[in-house]
Amino acid sequence: MSAATHVRVAIAGSGFSGLGMAIRLKQEGVHDFLIFERANDLGGTWRDNTYPGCACDVPSHLYSFSFAPNPDWTRAFSRQPEILAYLRTCAERFGVMPHLRFGHEVQHSAWDEANQRWRITTSQGEFTADVLVAGMGPLSEPRLPSVPGLERFRGPTFHSARWDTSFDPSGKRVAVVGTGASAIQFVPAIQPQVAKLLLFQRTPPWIVPRRDRTITSFERWLFRHVPGLQRAIRATLFTLRELLVFGFMRPKTMRLLQKIALRYLQKSIPDPALRARLTPPYTMGCKRVLISSDYLPALNQPNVEVLSASLSEVRERSVIASDGTEREVDAVIFGTGFHVTDPPLAPHVRGRDGRTLAEHWQKSPKAHVGTTVSGFPNLFLLLGPNTGLGHNSVVLMAEAQIEHVLGALRHMQRAGVTTVEPRPEAQAQFIAETDALLAPTVWNAGGCSSWYLDETGRNSTIWPGFITAFQRRVERFRPEEYLLDKRAEPTGV
């Protein structure tokens, strides 16, 4: 590749969003694009998260591209290796492998106003592109807390998203920090092996049973040979999941689900003192609702201690809890989530006025229809601000945004448009409408502090409503909501 290779579309990231964008470009007859991937393999979060027990908490039939159903899922809730294999299969089947550039970390991107294009600096050279699509996703960069003394610890320390595959937990005393979606999967996976598991829990999560099962070979045969069967099941699952929105939008209706979760907690944890520590003090849904059938039983085992405290200090061979107690451990594992409301790309993308996304956002990410940002021409964010869900598959959200990007590209081609960027007033209106819808929901009024809220206290993560509503609002590109530069003559695809 030359130092200044130009492409029509540059895509950053090769997870579901990036690959979905690439596949749809190919289907639309657009072949002049590259996918920049910092790692040496595709897959995004499903490549990076290899911790024991890693699986999806969305049913398999929903967690796939709508244009590429997979009849060969082996479980109702797919595990990490199978999802990664699915993504690889899609990349090969739809011919996007030649467009991938592994080991190309996007370090900096700046809009070149004079030449109407993006200048992209990667770890392996310079590129330019007419359009830049950021498909890194919100769960790409692990968040590690700043803990005094951590550098002095003599044993292994790592985040669950960067699991140390050389680490053998057998017979070890392990401290686990965090009780989120990853921790509730790897804790029961390592609990039978460790000598002692010390769990630091600041706030207990709401947990409901995981209705997982094996999908039989006969079922898989039916999915391959009976047209429409898998799509019918997918549609049913989608509809049932969509109905959950009513609970999130009206917190009082969450009481029924809370009763189910409390019954499950009582059945799993006979000890009333431990059960009290594991009972959430906020409305269900305020934080992410977690699904697991083995996490609570694991906490009930004699080699597990749950601390209602945070980790305040680490010493050479021990950890100090915020209550002042000290315990010797052999390893520390962090299940502390990701940089969601402070995405790592924000300080490294400069728009029309030379300022970065981070400078524009001022610690509160905002985008028109979760996809485009005023002042940043031809920039599209997949799974950007206010596109997260608490009830259904975000793959469907990304697909709606991908259709929006394709609509923009079609309009640019037909109208001879060089650049598109949202009108400031259109973006402001969308954000105001979204904030108003979020205000009475459980995500905002549920009585907790969650990773859905950014540093300003605004919920810049969640989409407040049905996926179908998002699709209706986002899939169609609306030129009237955009500033369009028509200095160029129309060109072919």
Protein backbone atom coordinates (compact mmCIF):
# COMPACT_ATOMS: atom_id res chain seq x y z
CA MET A 1 0.00 0.00 0.00
CA SER A 2 1.26 3.48 -0.80
CA ALA A 3 1.61 6.12 1.91
CA ALA A 4 -1.47 8.01 0.74
CA THR A 5 -3.86 5.37 -0.57
CA HIS A 6 -7.32 6.78 -1.21
CA VAL A 7 -10.59 4.88 -0.87
CA ARG A 8 -14.17 5.93 -1.12
CA VAL A 9 -15.10 4.46 2.28
CA ALA A 10 -12.85 3.69 5.25
CA ILE A 11 -14.26 1.49 8.00
CA ALA A 12 -12.63 1.31 11.44
CA GLY A 13 -13.27 -1.96 13.25
CA SER A 14 -14.15 -5.48 12.15
CA GLY A 15 -16.79 -6.56 14.65
CA PHE A 16 -20.49 -6.91 13.87
CA SER A 17 -20.85 -3.23 12.90
CA GLY A 18 -17.78 -2.96 10.69
CA LEU A 19 -18.35 -6.28 8.93
CA GLY A 20 -22.06 -5.53 8.50
CA MET A 21 -21.17 -2.21 6.84
CA ALA A 22 -18.66 -3.90 4.56
CA ILE A 23 -21.05 -6.65 3.52
CA ARG A 24 -23.84 -4.21 2.71
CA LEU A 25 -21.43 -2.07 0.66
CA LYS A 26 -20.52 -5.12 -1.39
CA GLN A 27 -24.18 -5.96 -1.87
CA GLU A 28 -24.80 -2.40 -3.09
CA GLY A 29 -21.99 -2.69 -5.62
CA VAL A 30 -19.52 -0.49 -3.72
CA HIS A 31 -16.12 -2.17 -3.67
CA ASP A 32 -13.79 0.78 -3.09
CA PHE A 33 -13.40 0.48 0.67
CA LEU A 34 -11.03 -0.79 3.34
CA ILE A 35 -11.58 -2.08 6.88
CA PHE A 36 -8.88 -1.03 9.33
CA GLU A 37 -8.46 -3.45 12.23
CA ARG A 38 -5.88 -2.91 14.98
CA ALA A 39 -5.69 -6.62 15.85
CA ASN A 40 -4.52 -9.49 13.69
CA ASP A 41 -7.94 -11.06 13.37
CA LEU A 42 -11.53 -9.89 12.87
CA GLY A 43 -14.34 -10.15 15.39
CA GLY A 44 -14.19 -7.13 17.67
CA THR A 45 -15.48 -7.85 21.15
CA TRP A 46 -16.04 -11.50 20.26
CA ARG A 47 -12.37 -11.81 19.37
CA ASP A 48 -11.13 -10.00 22.46
CA ASN A 49 -13.31 -11.59 25.12
CA THR A 50 -12.04 -15.12 25.57
CA TYR A 51 -12.63 -15.46 29.30
CA PRO A 52 -14.06 -18.77 30.59
CA GLY A 53 -17.81 -18.96 30.13
CA CYS A 54 -18.01 -16.07 27.65
CA ALA A 55 -21.37 -16.12 25.87
CA CYS A 56 -24.05 -13.81 24.51
CA ASP A 57 -27.05 -12.78 26.61
CA VAL A 58 -29.24 -12.34 23.51
CA PRO A 59 -30.82 -15.46 21.94
CA SER A 60 -28.73 -16.89 19.11
CA HIS A 61 -31.43 -16.52 16.47
CA LEU A 62 -31.57 -12.77 17.17
CA TYR A 63 -27.83 -12.23 17.47
CA SER A 64 -26.99 -12.46 13.80
CA PHE A 65 -27.30 -10.38 10.66
CA SER A 66 -30.84 -10.30 9.27
CA PHE A 67 -29.37 -11.05 5.82
CA ALA A 68 -27.28 -13.98 7.07
CA PRO A 69 -29.25 -16.28 9.40
CA ASN A 70 -27.20 -19.10 10.86
CA PRO A 71 -29.02 -22.46 10.94
CA ASP A 72 -26.11 -24.09 12.76
CA TRP A 73 -26.25 -22.41 16.20
CA THR A 74 -25.78 -25.19 18.74
CA ARG A 75 -27.20 -23.39 21.79
CA ALA A 76 -30.10 -21.06 22.53
CA PHE A 77 -27.52 -18.54 23.78
CA SER A 78 -24.35 -18.80 21.71
CA ARG A 79 -20.91 -18.92 23.23
CA GLN A 80 -17.96 -16.79 22.17
CA PRO A 81 -16.14 -19.29 19.90
CA GLU A 82 -19.31 -19.95 17.91
CA ILE A 83 -20.11 -16.25 17.45
CA LEU A 84 -16.55 -15.54 16.31
CA ALA A 85 -16.75 -18.43 13.85
CA TYR A 86 -20.02 -16.99 12.51
CA LEU A 87 -18.39 -13.61 11.88
CA ARG A 88 -15.47 -15.25 10.07
CA THR A 89 -17.88 -17.26 7.95
CA CYS A 90 -19.79 -14.12 7.01
CA ALA A 91 -16.60 -12.26 6.08
CA GLU A 92 -15.55 -15.10 3.80
CA ARG A 93 -19.00 -15.81 2.36
CA PHE A 94 -19.63 -12.19 1.36
CA GLY A 95 -16.14 -11.52 0.04
CA VAL A 96 -14.90 -8.86 2.45
CA MET A 97 -11.67 -10.58 3.50
CA PRO A 98 -9.61 -8.84 0.75
CA HIS A 99 -10.74 -5.47 2.14
CA LEU A 100 -9.44 -6.14 5.64
CA ARG A 101 -6.20 -4.52 6.80
CA PHE A 102 -5.07 -6.20 9.98
CA GLY A 103 -2.57 -4.55 12.31
CA HIS A 104 -3.80 -1.12 11.19
CA GLU A 105 -4.77 0.79 14.31
CA VAL A 106 -6.49 4.07 13.48
CA GLN A 107 -4.46 6.54 15.49
CA HIS A 108 -5.80 9.83 14.19
CA SER A 109 -8.39 11.08 11.69
CA ALA A 110 -8.83 14.67 10.52
CA TRP A 111 -11.21 16.25 8.04
CA ASP A 112 -9.38 17.95 5.16
CA GLU A 113 -11.71 20.78 4.20
CA ALA A 114 -9.69 21.85 1.15
CA ASN A 115 -9.83 18.41 -0.43
CA GLN A 116 -13.17 17.30 1.05
CA ARG A 117 -11.88 14.05 2.49
CA TRP A 118 -10.70 12.35 5.66
CA ARG A 119 -7.00 12.00 6.36
CA ILE A 120 -6.45 8.85 8.36
CA THR A 121 -3.25 7.96 10.17
CA THR A 122 -2.90 4.27 10.99
CA SER A 123 -0.11 2.37 12.68
CA GLN A 124 0.98 1.22 9.22
CA GLY A 125 0.66 4.35 7.14
CA GLU A 126 -1.47 7.20 5.84
CA PHE A 127 -4.78 6.88 3.99
CA THR A 128 -7.48 9.19 2.74
CA ALA A 129 -11.19 8.51 2.34
CA ASP A 130 -14.29 10.31 1.16
CA VAL A 131 -16.31 8.73 3.96
CA LEU A 132 -15.23 7.46 7.38
CA VAL A 133 -17.35 4.88 9.23
CA ALA A 134 -16.45 4.26 12.88
CA GLY A 135 -17.50 0.72 13.69
CA MET A 136 -15.42 0.04 16.79
CA GLY A 137 -18.46 -0.34 19.02
CA PRO A 138 -18.97 0.74 22.64
CA LEU A 139 -17.44 -2.39 24.19
CA SER A 140 -14.02 -2.19 22.58
CA GLU A 141 -11.81 -0.56 25.21
CA PRO A 142 -11.69 -2.08 28.73
CA ARG A 143 -12.06 0.24 31.70
CA LEU A 144 -9.56 -0.36 34.48
CA PRO A 145 -9.99 1.48 37.79
CA SER A 146 -7.12 3.46 39.22
CA VAL A 147 -6.19 1.49 42.33
CA PRO A 148 -3.25 2.60 44.50
CA GLY A 149 -0.46 0.03 44.61
CA LEU A 150 -1.68 -2.12 41.73
CA GLU A 151 1.71 -1.91 40.02
CA ARG A 152 3.37 -3.46 43.09
CA PHE A 153 1.27 -6.61 43.11
CA ARG A 154 3.40 -9.74 42.64
CA GLY A 155 0.73 -11.90 40.99
CA PRO A 156 -1.15 -11.65 37.68
CA THR A 157 -3.65 -8.83 37.18
CA PHE A 158 -5.80 -8.42 34.08
CA HIS A 159 -9.18 -7.28 32.75
CA SER A 160 -11.68 -9.93 31.68
CA ALA A 161 -11.59 -8.54 28.11
CA ARG A 162 -7.82 -9.17 28.05
CA TRP A 163 -7.89 -12.56 29.71
CA ASP A 164 -4.46 -14.03 30.46
CA THR A 165 -4.72 -17.43 28.81
CA SER A 166 -1.57 -18.57 30.64
CA PHE A 167 -3.26 -18.05 34.00
CA ASP A 168 -4.26 -21.27 35.78
CA PRO A 169 -6.77 -20.53 38.57
CA SER A 170 -6.44 -23.98 40.10
CA GLY A 171 -5.80 -23.72 43.84
CA LYS A 172 -5.34 -19.94 43.68
CA ARG A 173 -6.81 -17.21 45.88
CA VAL A 174 -8.43 -14.90 43.36
CA ALA A 175 -9.90 -11.44 43.87
CA VAL A 176 -12.58 -10.45 41.34
CA VAL A 177 -13.47 -6.77 41.06
CA GLY A 178 -16.88 -6.04 39.56
CA THR A 179 -20.19 -7.86 39.17
CA GLY A 180 -21.27 -6.95 35.65
CA ALA A 181 -22.17 -8.97 32.57
CA SER A 182 -18.68 -10.47 32.16
CA ALA A 183 -18.06 -11.26 35.83
CA ILE A 184 -21.28 -13.22 36.18
CA GLN A 185 -20.02 -15.51 33.43
CA PHE A 186 -16.41 -16.09 34.42
CA VAL A 187 -17.00 -16.26 38.20
CA PRO A 188 -18.99 -19.52 38.04
CA ALA A 189 -16.54 -20.86 35.45
CA ILE A 190 -13.49 -20.48 37.72
CA GLN A 191 -15.17 -20.91 41.12
CA PRO A 192 -14.88 -24.74 41.20
CA GLN A 193 -11.14 -24.48 40.48
CA VAL A 194 -9.96 -21.78 42.86
CA ALA A 195 -9.07 -22.23 46.51
CA LYS A 196 -10.73 -18.92 47.40
CA LEU A 197 -12.71 -16.37 45.39
CA LEU A 198 -13.03 -12.91 46.89
CA LEU A 199 -15.72 -10.89 45.08
CA PHE A 200 -15.72 -7.08 45.38
CA GLN A 201 -19.29 -5.93 44.83
CA ARG A 202 -20.16 -2.24 45.09
CA THR A 203 -23.77 -2.66 43.92
CA PRO A 204 -25.54 -5.99 43.37
CA PRO A 205 -27.10 -6.55 39.93
CA TRP A 206 -30.58 -7.80 39.18
CA ILE A 207 -30.30 -11.35 37.85
CA VAL A 208 -32.85 -13.58 36.12
CA PRO A 209 -32.37 -17.23 35.13
CA ARG A 210 -30.77 -18.04 31.81
CA ARG A 211 -33.01 -20.34 29.79
CA ASP A 212 -30.22 -21.89 27.79
CA ARG A 213 -30.36 -25.27 26.11
CA THR A 214 -28.76 -27.30 23.37
CA ILE A 215 -30.27 -26.89 19.90
CA THR A 216 -30.60 -30.45 18.62
CA SER A 217 -29.18 -31.69 15.35
CA PHE A 218 -32.75 -32.32 14.14
CA GLU A 219 -33.68 -28.69 14.81
CA ARG A 220 -30.61 -27.54 12.91
CA TRP A 221 -31.59 -29.81 10.01
CA LEU A 222 -35.03 -28.19 9.99
CA PHE A 223 -33.53 -24.70 9.96
CA ARG A 224 -31.44 -25.62 6.92
CA HIS A 225 -34.22 -27.31 4.97
CA VAL A 226 -37.51 -25.69 5.95
CA PRO A 227 -37.67 -22.21 4.41
CA GLY A 228 -38.83 -19.53 6.79
CA LEU A 229 -38.78 -21.60 9.98
CA GLN A 230 -35.77 -19.89 11.54
CA ARG A 231 -37.01 -16.48 10.47
CA ALA A 232 -40.36 -17.21 12.11
CA ILE A 233 -38.62 -18.13 15.36
CA ARG A 234 -36.46 -15.01 15.08
CA ALA A 235 -39.56 -12.86 14.57
CA THR A 236 -41.23 -14.42 17.63
CA LEU A 237 -38.18 -13.86 19.82
CA PHE A 238 -37.89 -10.30 18.53
CA THR A 239 -41.52 -9.53 19.36
CA LEU A 240 -41.29 -10.99 22.86
CA ARG A 241 -38.13 -8.99 23.54
CA GLU A 242 -39.70 -5.81 22.19
CA LEU A 243 -42.54 -6.15 24.70
CA LEU A 244 -40.02 -5.76 27.51
CA VAL A 245 -39.66 -2.10 26.53
CA PHE A 246 -42.91 -1.35 28.38
CA GLY A 247 -41.21 -2.25 31.65
CA PHE A 248 -38.20 -0.05 31.00
CA MET A 249 -40.32 2.88 29.87
CA ARG A 250 -42.68 2.67 32.87
CA PRO A 251 -40.68 1.74 36.00
CA LYS A 252 -43.74 0.67 38.01
CA THR A 253 -44.39 -2.17 35.58
CA MET A 254 -41.00 -3.63 36.50
CA ARG A 255 -42.44 -4.89 39.80
CA LEU A 256 -43.56 -8.20 38.29
CA LEU A 257 -40.10 -8.94 36.86
CA GLN A 258 -38.53 -7.90 40.16
CA LYS A 259 -40.69 -10.45 41.97
CA ILE A 260 -39.46 -13.16 39.60
CA ALA A 261 -35.86 -12.12 40.19
CA LEU A 262 -36.33 -11.99 43.97
CA ARG A 263 -37.86 -15.48 44.00
CA TYR A 264 -34.89 -16.73 42.00
CA LEU A 265 -32.51 -15.04 44.45
CA GLN A 266 -34.27 -16.58 47.45
CA LYS A 267 -34.20 -20.03 45.86
CA SER A 268 -30.48 -19.73 45.00
CA ILE A 269 -29.21 -18.14 48.25
CA PRO A 270 -30.63 -19.70 51.44
CA ASP A 271 -28.43 -17.59 53.75
CA PRO A 272 -30.48 -14.46 54.60
CA ALA A 273 -27.38 -12.35 55.33
CA LEU A 274 -25.78 -13.12 51.97
CA ARG A 275 -29.14 -12.75 50.24
CA ALA A 276 -29.50 -9.27 51.71
CA ARG A 277 -26.10 -8.28 50.31
CA LEU A 278 -27.15 -9.58 46.91
CA THR A 279 -30.51 -7.75 46.82
CA PRO A 280 -30.35 -4.65 44.60
CA PRO A 281 -31.55 -1.39 46.22
CA TYR A 282 -32.78 0.14 42.95
CA THR A 283 -35.52 -0.49 40.38
CA MET A 284 -34.82 -3.36 38.04
CA GLY A 285 -33.48 -2.15 34.70
CA CYS A 286 -31.73 0.95 36.05
CA LYS A 287 -28.51 -1.00 35.57
CA ARG A 288 -28.17 -3.72 32.97
CA VAL A 289 -30.35 -6.74 33.83
CA LEU A 290 -28.14 -9.82 33.83
CA ILE A 291 -29.07 -13.39 32.96
CA SER A 292 -27.39 -16.38 34.58
CA SER A 293 -28.38 -19.71 36.07
CA ASP A 294 -25.02 -20.49 37.67
CA TYR A 295 -23.73 -17.17 39.09
CA LEU A 296 -25.84 -17.05 42.26
CA PRO A 297 -25.31 -20.77 43.03
CA ALA A 298 -21.56 -20.17 42.67
CA LEU A 299 -21.69 -17.39 45.28
CA ASN A 300 -23.33 -19.83 47.66
CA GLN A 301 -20.25 -22.07 47.72
CA PRO A 302 -17.95 -22.19 50.78
CA ASN A 303 -14.87 -20.99 48.86
CA VAL A 304 -16.57 -17.70 47.84
CA GLU A 305 -16.73 -14.51 49.90
CA VAL A 306 -18.81 -11.56 48.74
CA LEU A 307 -17.65 -8.16 49.97
CA SER A 308 -20.07 -5.24 49.81
CA ALA A 309 -17.11 -2.95 49.28
CA SER A 310 -14.82 -1.56 46.63
CA LEU A 311 -11.12 -2.28 46.14
CA SER A 312 -9.21 0.61 47.71
CA GLU A 313 -5.59 -0.56 47.64
CA VAL A 314 -3.38 -3.37 46.38
CA ARG A 315 -0.19 -4.50 48.09
CA GLU A 316 2.46 -6.97 46.99
CA ARG A 317 0.46 -10.05 47.97
CA SER A 318 -2.84 -8.71 49.28
CA VAL A 319 -5.83 -6.47 48.60
CA ILE A 320 -7.44 -3.87 50.86
CA ALA A 321 -11.20 -3.35 50.78
CA SER A 322 -12.83 0.03 51.33
CA ASP A 323 -13.90 -1.17 54.79
CA GLY A 324 -10.22 -1.46 55.71
CA THR A 325 -10.00 -5.26 55.77
CA GLU A 326 -6.99 -6.94 54.15
CA ARG A 327 -6.85 -10.35 52.47
CA GLU A 328 -4.02 -12.24 50.81
CA VAL A 329 -4.63 -13.16 47.17
CA ASP A 330 -2.67 -14.68 44.31
CA ALA A 331 -4.37 -12.90 41.41
CA VAL A 332 -6.68 -9.95 40.70
CA ILE A 333 -9.20 -10.05 37.84
CA PHE A 334 -11.13 -6.94 36.82
CA GLY A 335 -14.64 -7.25 35.43
CA THR A 336 -15.06 -3.49 35.42
CA GLY A 337 -16.63 -2.82 32.05
CA PHE A 338 -15.65 -0.59 29.15
CA HIS A 339 -15.22 3.02 28.08
CA VAL A 340 -18.78 3.49 26.81
CA THR A 341 -19.58 7.16 27.45
CA ASP A 342 -15.99 8.28 26.87
CA PRO A 343 -15.12 6.39 23.66
CA PRO A 344 -11.37 6.24 22.97
CA LEU A 345 -11.81 7.51 19.39
CA ALA A 346 -13.25 10.87 20.56
CA PRO A 347 -9.91 12.65 21.24
CA HIS A 348 -8.47 11.44 17.93
CA VAL A 349 -11.08 12.52 15.37
CA ARG A 350 -10.95 16.18 14.24
CA GLY A 351 -13.79 17.81 12.40
CA ARG A 352 -14.28 20.77 10.09
CA ASP A 353 -13.20 23.36 12.69
CA GLY A 354 -10.12 21.42 13.82
CA ARG A 355 -11.64 20.45 17.14
CA THR A 356 -11.95 16.81 18.22
CA LEU A 357 -15.09 14.87 18.95
CA ALA A 358 -14.14 14.98 22.62
CA GLU A 359 -13.95 18.77 22.50
CA HIS A 360 -17.33 19.00 20.79
CA TRP A 361 -18.97 16.54 23.15
CA GLN A 362 -17.64 18.01 26.40
CA LYS A 363 -17.93 14.63 28.19
CA SER A 364 -21.44 13.95 26.86
CA PRO A 365 -21.52 12.15 23.46
CA LYS A 366 -24.24 13.40 21.13
CA ALA A 367 -25.12 12.51 17.57
CA HIS A 368 -27.96 12.95 15.13
CA VAL A 369 -29.97 9.70 15.04
CA GLY A 370 -27.02 8.20 16.92
CA THR A 371 -25.07 8.17 13.68
CA THR A 372 -23.78 11.55 12.46
CA VAL A 373 -22.28 14.58 14.21
CA SER A 374 -22.62 18.24 13.29
CA GLY A 375 -19.24 19.66 12.26
CA PHE A 376 -17.91 16.26 11.13
CA PRO A 377 -18.70 15.83 7.41
CA ASN A 378 -19.00 12.31 6.02
CA LEU A 379 -18.44 10.73 9.44
CA PHE A 380 -20.79 7.93 10.49
CA LEU A 381 -20.81 6.29 13.93
CA LEU A 382 -22.20 2.76 14.17
CA LEU A 383 -23.64 2.01 17.61
CA GLY A 384 -22.94 5.62 18.51
CA PRO A 385 -24.61 7.70 21.25
CA ASN A 386 -28.10 6.63 22.37
CA THR A 387 -28.18 3.41 20.37
CA GLY A 388 -27.69 0.97 23.26
CA LEU A 389 -30.46 -1.38 24.37
CA GLY A 390 -31.60 -3.02 27.55
CA HIS A 391 -33.92 -5.54 25.99
CA ASN A 392 -32.98 -6.71 22.50
CA SER A 393 -30.21 -7.23 19.93
CA VAL A 394 -27.99 -4.25 19.12
CA VAL A 395 -27.11 -5.95 15.82
CA LEU A 396 -30.49 -4.73 14.60
CA MET A 397 -29.63 -1.18 15.69
CA ALA A 398 -26.37 -1.31 13.76
CA GLU A 399 -28.18 -2.61 10.68
CA ALA A 400 -30.59 0.35 10.77
CA GLN A 401 -27.63 2.73 10.91
CA ILE A 402 -25.90 0.91 8.07
CA GLU A 403 -28.97 1.47 5.90
CA HIS A 404 -28.77 5.17 6.84
CA VAL A 405 -25.15 5.27 5.63
CA LEU A 406 -26.08 3.55 2.38
CA GLY A 407 -28.89 6.04 1.88
CA ALA A 408 -26.42 8.88 2.33
CA LEU A 409 -24.04 7.34 -0.21
CA ARG A 410 -26.85 6.90 -2.73
CA HIS A 411 -27.92 10.50 -2.32
CA MET A 412 -24.34 11.72 -2.68
CA GLN A 413 -24.03 9.80 -5.93
CA ARG A 414 -27.38 10.91 -7.39
CA ALA A 415 -27.10 14.57 -6.41
CA GLY A 416 -23.38 15.04 -6.95
CA VAL A 417 -22.93 15.82 -3.27
CA THR A 418 -19.42 15.91 -1.85
CA THR A 419 -20.25 16.07 1.85
CA VAL A 420 -23.12 15.44 4.21
CA GLU A 421 -23.33 16.48 7.85
CA PRO A 422 -26.37 16.96 10.07
CA ARG A 423 -27.83 20.40 10.46
CA PRO A 424 -27.15 21.65 14.01
CA GLU A 425 -30.86 22.28 14.57
CA ALA A 426 -31.81 18.76 13.39
CA GLN A 427 -29.23 17.21 15.69
CA ALA A 428 -30.34 19.36 18.62
CA GLN A 429 -33.98 18.43 18.06
CA PHE A 430 -33.22 14.71 17.93
CA ILE A 431 -31.19 14.91 21.15
CA ALA A 432 -33.87 16.95 22.93
CA GLU A 433 -36.55 14.44 21.89
CA THR A 434 -34.41 11.51 23.03
CA ASP A 435 -33.62 13.12 26.39
CA ALA A 436 -37.31 13.85 26.97
CA LEU A 437 -38.25 10.24 26.26
CA LEU A 438 -35.51 9.00 28.60
CA ALA A 439 -36.45 11.23 31.54
CA PRO A 440 -39.25 9.08 33.06
CA THR A 441 -37.71 5.70 32.20
CA VAL A 442 -36.11 3.23 34.58
CA TRP A 443 -32.73 4.03 33.02
CA ASN A 444 -32.95 7.62 34.26
CA ALA A 445 -35.36 7.40 37.18
CA GLY A 446 -34.55 3.98 38.61
CA GLY A 447 -32.51 5.16 41.57
CA CYS A 448 -29.02 4.04 40.61
CA SER A 449 -25.80 5.26 39.04
CA SER A 450 -25.02 3.20 35.95
CA TRP A 451 -22.58 3.14 33.06
CA TYR A 452 -25.44 4.36 30.89
CA LEU A 453 -24.87 7.85 32.37
CA ASP A 454 -21.93 9.98 31.24
CA GLU A 455 -19.85 12.32 33.38
CA THR A 456 -22.45 15.08 33.08
CA GLY A 457 -25.19 12.79 34.38
CA ARG A 458 -26.88 12.55 31.00
CA ASN A 459 -27.92 9.19 29.59
CA SER A 460 -25.95 9.19 26.35
CA THR A 461 -26.06 5.41 25.92
CA ILE A 462 -29.61 4.07 25.73
CA TRP A 463 -32.23 4.29 22.99
CA PRO A 464 -35.53 4.94 24.81
CA GLY A 465 -37.98 2.76 22.97
CA PHE A 466 -38.68 0.01 20.48
CA ILE A 467 -36.16 -1.08 17.86
CA THR A 468 -38.92 -0.69 15.29
CA ALA A 469 -39.21 3.00 16.23
CA PHE A 470 -35.47 3.43 15.80
CA GLN A 471 -35.58 1.68 12.43
CA ARG A 472 -38.38 3.94 11.18
CA ARG A 473 -36.48 7.02 12.31
CA VAL A 474 -33.00 6.05 11.15
CA GLU A 475 -33.02 3.67 8.18
CA ARG A 476 -34.14 6.30 5.67
CA PHE A 477 -31.63 9.05 4.96
CA ARG A 478 -33.44 12.39 5.03
CA PRO A 479 -31.55 15.00 2.96
CA GLU A 480 -33.55 17.85 4.51
CA GLU A 481 -31.89 17.13 7.87
CA TYR A 482 -28.41 17.53 6.40
CA LEU A 483 -26.08 20.22 5.12
CA LEU A 484 -25.11 19.14 1.61
CA ASP A 485 -22.08 20.41 -0.30
CA LYS A 486 -22.80 20.14 -4.03
CA ARG A 487 -19.55 21.41 -5.46
CA ALA A 488 -18.81 18.13 -7.17
CA GLU A 489 -20.37 16.79 -10.36
CA PRO A 490 -22.34 13.52 -10.09
CA THR A 491 -20.17 10.42 -10.41
CA GLY A 492 -20.80 6.71 -10.70
CA VAL A 493 -20.60 4.22 -7.88
